[in-house]
Every structure is written in structure tokens, then in C-alpha cells.
Amino acid sequence: MSGTTTYLLLIRHGENDWVGTDRLAGRTPGVHLNEKGKEQAAALASLLKHQPITAIYSSPLERCLETAQPLADALALPVIVEEGLLEVDYGEWRGGNLKELAKLAEWRMVQHYPSVFRFPQGETLREVQQRAVSAIERLRQHHPNQVVALFSHGDVIRTVLAHYLGTPLDLFQRIIINTGAVSLLAFGDDVPGVLAVNHLSPLPVLEIKRKEE
């Protein structure tokens, strides 16, 4: 890539007590970081505070806001709520037991053809991808030649990465996104690139070129 580059850091929230259980948290209110999640948030702040980040956006759910706050404190930046980064609306499946959901006839559809499956009274993953990518495009245009941190959820980040990698949405679950992991998008001369996926170690300091350079 030549010229100026805009970098977007896609960060999954830290661990909470729903992670690793058989329950689907979705948009359930009141899901907070557990002790490990708080440690992950602090570690993220330590890893990313040296990056030239100019703005921080987050899903409105508590687990994302709590993950973003230590970095915001370290950089003296506000956390701006971005609805486009909100968790998938799993509808009637929200809060459900995954082992019980797996017995439903619809389970095979969501596992093999997620792009066309609508969660009962909820979203399709195609709709999730469209709103999330729309938010990404809007934010990267609003912050040209800057580094921006975005805190979101595993499935949302997977759909975004699938879009920019050119991966069919039906295969998006092949993209692994751990709690507290960082993925990196770069837009140089409006050309998108995926520089990192599910990164759990320090990134090189991102360099922002001034237009006169």
C-alpha cells in the first residue's frame, strides 16, 4: 500500500462468566467481565497504549465497554458507543442452552448455512455483516489516516473479517476470535487489507504517514 493508511483495530471483549458455558449470552443485559476478563482488559490497555490511537468505539453492551475503558483511561479518550458493533440479535435463542438448541431442526441450518438463517425473532448473519461493515466503512472514512480501536463481539468481528477476506459468510465460523484478541484492518488509498487476525501478542507500533510525506 502506498500513500496514507487508516488502521482499524477490531477487539473482542474480555472473558465473562458466560464464555465457555453452554449458554448463549447475546444481548442479555448485565453480562460483566469476570476477573480474567478484567485482566485481559488491563493487558490490552498495556499492549495498545503505545499505538497512535485517536478514537475508541464500542458496542453498547457492558462487557465491551468494560474492556474498552482501561485503554480509554490510558489514552485519555472517551469511549464512543457505536450501535453497528452491537452483538448479534439472537432473538428467542438469547440466553438459551446450546445443548438444547442443538436439538432443534434449525440448528443444522445455522451451522451449515448461517448466511440465510434468521434467528427466531432476531437477525440473520447477513444483516449483522451488513450493519457492521457499514459501521466500519463509515468510521474509517470519518477517521482518515488515523488508528482507531473498535470493541465488539466474536461473531460480529468474524462477519467483518469474512467480508474483507472475501470469505463466504457460510464459512465464517472458520475464523477464530478469542476473548481479548485483536484483529487489524488497514485501508490504504481506499484498498482494504487484513493485517492480523486473532492477535494475542504485541503489535508493531503502527506508523501514520502525513499527507506531505
Protein backbone atom coordinates (compact mmCIF):
# COMPACT_ATOMS: atom_id res chain seq x y z
CA MET A 1 0.00 0.00 0.00
CA SER A 2 1.19 3.50 -0.78
CA GLY A 3 0.19 6.91 0.46
CA THR A 4 -1.80 7.25 3.66
CA THR A 5 -3.30 4.38 5.61
CA THR A 6 -6.17 4.16 8.07
CA TYR A 7 -5.93 1.37 10.65
CA LEU A 8 -8.89 -0.14 12.49
CA LEU A 9 -8.23 -2.42 15.45
CA LEU A 10 -11.07 -4.92 15.95
CA ILE A 11 -11.01 -6.10 19.56
CA ARG A 12 -13.20 -8.77 21.10
CA HIS A 13 -14.35 -8.11 24.65
CA GLY A 14 -12.73 -9.89 27.57
CA GLU A 15 -13.94 -13.04 29.25
CA ASN A 16 -17.16 -13.14 31.25
CA ASP A 17 -18.95 -15.89 33.11
CA TRP A 18 -20.99 -16.84 30.03
CA VAL A 19 -17.89 -17.63 27.96
CA GLY A 20 -17.11 -21.34 27.91
CA THR A 21 -20.55 -22.30 29.19
CA ASP A 22 -23.41 -23.79 27.21
CA ARG A 23 -25.37 -20.53 27.34
CA LEU A 24 -25.81 -18.02 24.53
CA ALA A 25 -25.42 -14.55 26.07
CA GLY A 26 -26.23 -12.50 23.00
CA ARG A 27 -27.67 -9.13 24.02
CA THR A 28 -28.50 -10.21 27.56
CA PRO A 29 -28.05 -7.13 29.78
CA GLY A 30 -25.82 -7.19 32.83
CA VAL A 31 -23.11 -9.51 31.47
CA HIS A 32 -19.94 -8.10 33.03
CA LEU A 33 -16.28 -9.05 32.78
CA ASN A 34 -15.10 -11.63 35.28
CA GLU A 35 -11.67 -11.44 36.92
CA LYS A 36 -9.91 -12.96 33.92
CA GLY A 37 -11.76 -10.55 31.64
CA LYS A 38 -10.61 -7.60 33.73
CA GLU A 39 -7.04 -8.88 33.48
CA GLN A 40 -7.44 -9.15 29.70
CA ALA A 41 -8.75 -5.58 29.52
CA ALA A 42 -5.78 -4.32 31.53
CA ALA A 43 -3.39 -6.29 29.33
CA LEU A 44 -4.97 -4.85 26.19
CA ALA A 45 -4.52 -1.34 27.55
CA SER A 46 -0.86 -2.07 28.27
CA LEU A 47 -0.31 -3.52 24.78
CA LEU A 48 -2.16 -0.83 22.85
CA LYS A 49 -1.47 2.39 24.77
CA HIS A 50 1.67 2.97 22.70
CA GLN A 51 -0.28 2.93 19.44
CA PRO A 52 -1.24 6.33 17.99
CA ILE A 53 -4.94 5.68 18.61
CA THR A 54 -7.14 8.74 18.12
CA ALA A 55 -10.61 7.33 18.82
CA ILE A 56 -12.24 4.42 20.64
CA TYR A 57 -15.63 2.96 19.72
CA SER A 58 -17.54 0.18 21.43
CA SER A 59 -20.64 -1.94 21.32
CA PRO A 60 -23.09 -0.62 23.94
CA LEU A 61 -23.03 -3.88 25.93
CA GLU A 62 -21.30 -3.84 29.31
CA ARG A 63 -18.67 -6.46 28.53
CA CYS A 64 -17.35 -4.40 25.62
CA LEU A 65 -17.50 -1.05 27.41
CA GLU A 66 -15.64 -2.54 30.38
CA THR A 67 -12.96 -3.95 28.07
CA ALA A 68 -12.52 -0.60 26.33
CA GLN A 69 -12.37 1.56 29.46
CA PRO A 70 -8.79 0.79 30.63
CA LEU A 71 -7.42 1.71 27.20
CA ALA A 72 -9.58 4.84 27.16
CA ASP A 73 -8.22 5.80 30.57
CA ALA A 74 -4.63 5.21 29.46
CA LEU A 75 -5.08 7.40 26.37
CA ALA A 76 -7.41 9.98 27.94
CA LEU A 77 -10.00 9.31 25.24
CA PRO A 78 -13.76 8.84 25.55
CA VAL A 79 -15.42 5.55 24.67
CA ILE A 80 -17.98 6.30 21.95
CA VAL A 81 -20.91 3.90 21.68
CA GLU A 82 -21.39 2.53 18.16
CA GLU A 83 -24.60 0.56 17.60
CA GLY A 84 -23.17 -1.05 14.46
CA LEU A 85 -20.78 -3.02 16.68
CA LEU A 86 -23.60 -4.47 18.81
CA GLU A 87 -23.80 -8.22 19.38
CA VAL A 88 -25.92 -10.41 17.10
CA ASP A 89 -29.63 -10.31 17.90
CA TYR A 90 -30.22 -14.00 18.58
CA GLY A 91 -33.90 -13.32 19.23
CA GLU A 92 -35.65 -16.15 21.07
CA TRP A 93 -32.35 -18.02 21.33
CA ARG A 94 -30.83 -15.36 23.60
CA GLY A 95 -29.89 -16.88 26.94
CA GLY A 96 -30.60 -20.37 25.62
CA ASN A 97 -28.75 -23.56 26.45
CA LEU A 98 -26.64 -24.54 23.44
CA LYS A 99 -27.07 -28.25 24.06
CA GLU A 100 -30.83 -27.81 23.97
CA LEU A 101 -30.68 -25.53 20.93
CA ALA A 102 -28.58 -28.15 19.13
CA LYS A 103 -31.57 -30.50 19.26
CA LEU A 104 -33.68 -28.12 17.17
CA ALA A 105 -34.17 -28.71 13.46
CA GLU A 106 -32.90 -25.18 12.79
CA TRP A 107 -29.53 -25.96 14.35
CA ARG A 108 -28.25 -27.71 11.22
CA MET A 109 -29.18 -24.67 9.16
CA VAL A 110 -27.33 -22.21 11.39
CA GLN A 111 -24.25 -24.45 11.45
CA HIS A 112 -24.04 -25.08 7.72
CA TYR A 113 -25.89 -22.18 6.07
CA PRO A 114 -25.68 -19.31 8.57
CA SER A 115 -25.88 -16.66 5.86
CA VAL A 116 -29.56 -17.39 5.18
CA PHE A 117 -30.73 -18.40 8.66
CA ARG A 118 -32.76 -15.94 10.70
CA PHE A 119 -32.62 -16.42 14.44
CA PRO A 120 -36.24 -16.64 15.63
CA GLN A 121 -37.43 -13.03 16.13
CA GLY A 122 -33.82 -11.91 15.55
CA GLU A 123 -31.30 -11.10 12.83
CA THR A 124 -29.69 -13.01 10.01
CA LEU A 125 -25.91 -13.07 9.97
CA ARG A 126 -26.08 -11.37 6.57
CA GLU A 127 -27.85 -8.46 8.27
CA VAL A 128 -25.22 -8.46 11.02
CA GLN A 129 -22.45 -8.34 8.43
CA GLN A 130 -24.13 -5.54 6.51
CA ARG A 131 -24.62 -3.29 9.54
CA ALA A 132 -21.16 -4.00 10.93
CA VAL A 133 -19.36 -3.42 7.63
CA SER A 134 -21.43 -0.27 7.12
CA ALA A 135 -20.18 0.98 10.50
CA ILE A 136 -16.59 0.07 9.60
CA GLU A 137 -16.78 1.94 6.31
CA ARG A 138 -18.35 4.99 7.94
CA LEU A 139 -15.77 5.11 10.73
CA ARG A 140 -12.75 4.63 8.51
CA GLN A 141 -13.97 7.47 6.29
CA HIS A 142 -14.58 9.63 9.37
CA HIS A 143 -11.03 8.95 10.63
CA PRO A 144 -8.77 9.10 7.56
CA ASN A 145 -5.09 8.40 8.15
CA GLN A 146 -5.70 7.50 11.81
CA VAL A 147 -5.62 4.49 14.12
CA VAL A 148 -9.00 3.66 15.67
CA ALA A 149 -9.89 0.97 18.24
CA LEU A 150 -13.24 -0.82 17.93
CA PHE A 151 -14.54 -3.14 20.68
CA SER A 152 -17.11 -5.70 19.62
CA HIS A 153 -18.16 -9.36 19.79
CA GLY A 154 -16.84 -12.61 18.35
CA ASP A 155 -19.50 -13.31 15.72
CA VAL A 156 -19.66 -9.65 14.67
CA ILE A 157 -15.89 -9.50 14.18
CA ARG A 158 -15.96 -12.79 12.26
CA THR A 159 -18.55 -11.44 9.81
CA VAL A 160 -16.47 -8.28 9.26
CA LEU A 161 -13.28 -10.24 8.65
CA ALA A 162 -15.11 -12.62 6.31
CA HIS A 163 -16.19 -9.61 4.26
CA TYR A 164 -12.71 -8.12 3.92
CA LEU A 165 -11.04 -11.51 3.39
CA GLY A 166 -13.54 -12.42 0.70
CA THR A 167 -14.58 -15.50 2.68
CA PRO A 168 -18.12 -16.80 2.05
CA LEU A 169 -20.29 -15.99 5.04
CA ASP A 170 -21.32 -19.64 5.34
CA LEU A 171 -17.69 -20.37 6.26
CA PHE A 172 -17.25 -17.51 8.73
CA GLN A 173 -17.03 -19.85 11.74
CA ARG A 174 -13.63 -21.00 10.46
CA ILE A 175 -12.32 -17.62 11.62
CA ILE A 176 -11.32 -17.98 15.28
CA ILE A 177 -11.65 -14.93 17.53
CA ASN A 178 -10.70 -15.39 21.19
CA THR A 179 -11.69 -13.10 24.02
CA GLY A 180 -9.28 -10.18 24.33
CA ALA A 181 -7.86 -10.78 20.84
CA VAL A 182 -7.02 -8.05 18.33
CA SER A 183 -7.54 -8.15 14.57
CA LEU A 184 -6.30 -5.39 12.29
CA LEU A 185 -7.75 -3.84 9.15
CA ALA A 186 -5.82 -1.37 7.03
CA PHE A 187 -7.23 0.92 4.34
CA GLY A 188 -4.58 2.38 2.06
CA ASP A 189 -5.80 4.50 -0.85
CA ASP A 190 -9.25 3.01 -0.10
CA VAL A 191 -7.93 -0.53 -0.67
CA PRO A 192 -8.72 -2.77 2.34
CA GLY A 193 -6.26 -5.23 3.80
CA VAL A 194 -6.38 -7.65 6.74
CA LEU A 195 -3.05 -7.41 8.55
CA ALA A 196 -3.78 -9.52 11.64
CA VAL A 197 -6.45 -11.94 12.87
CA ASN A 198 -6.95 -13.08 16.47
CA HIS A 199 -3.69 -11.49 17.62
CA LEU A 200 -2.85 -12.08 21.28
CA SER A 201 0.65 -10.59 21.45
CA PRO A 202 2.04 -7.06 20.99
CA LEU A 203 1.65 -5.48 17.56
CA PRO A 204 4.37 -3.32 15.99
CA VAL A 205 3.68 0.36 16.53
CA LEU A 206 1.57 1.50 13.59
CA GLU A 207 3.03 4.38 11.63
CA ILE A 208 0.80 7.10 10.28
CA LYS A 209 2.22 8.98 7.29
CA ARG A 210 1.37 12.62 6.92
CA LYS A 211 -0.02 13.61 3.56
CA GLU A 212 3.04 15.72 2.74
CA GLU A 213 5.21 12.62 3.18
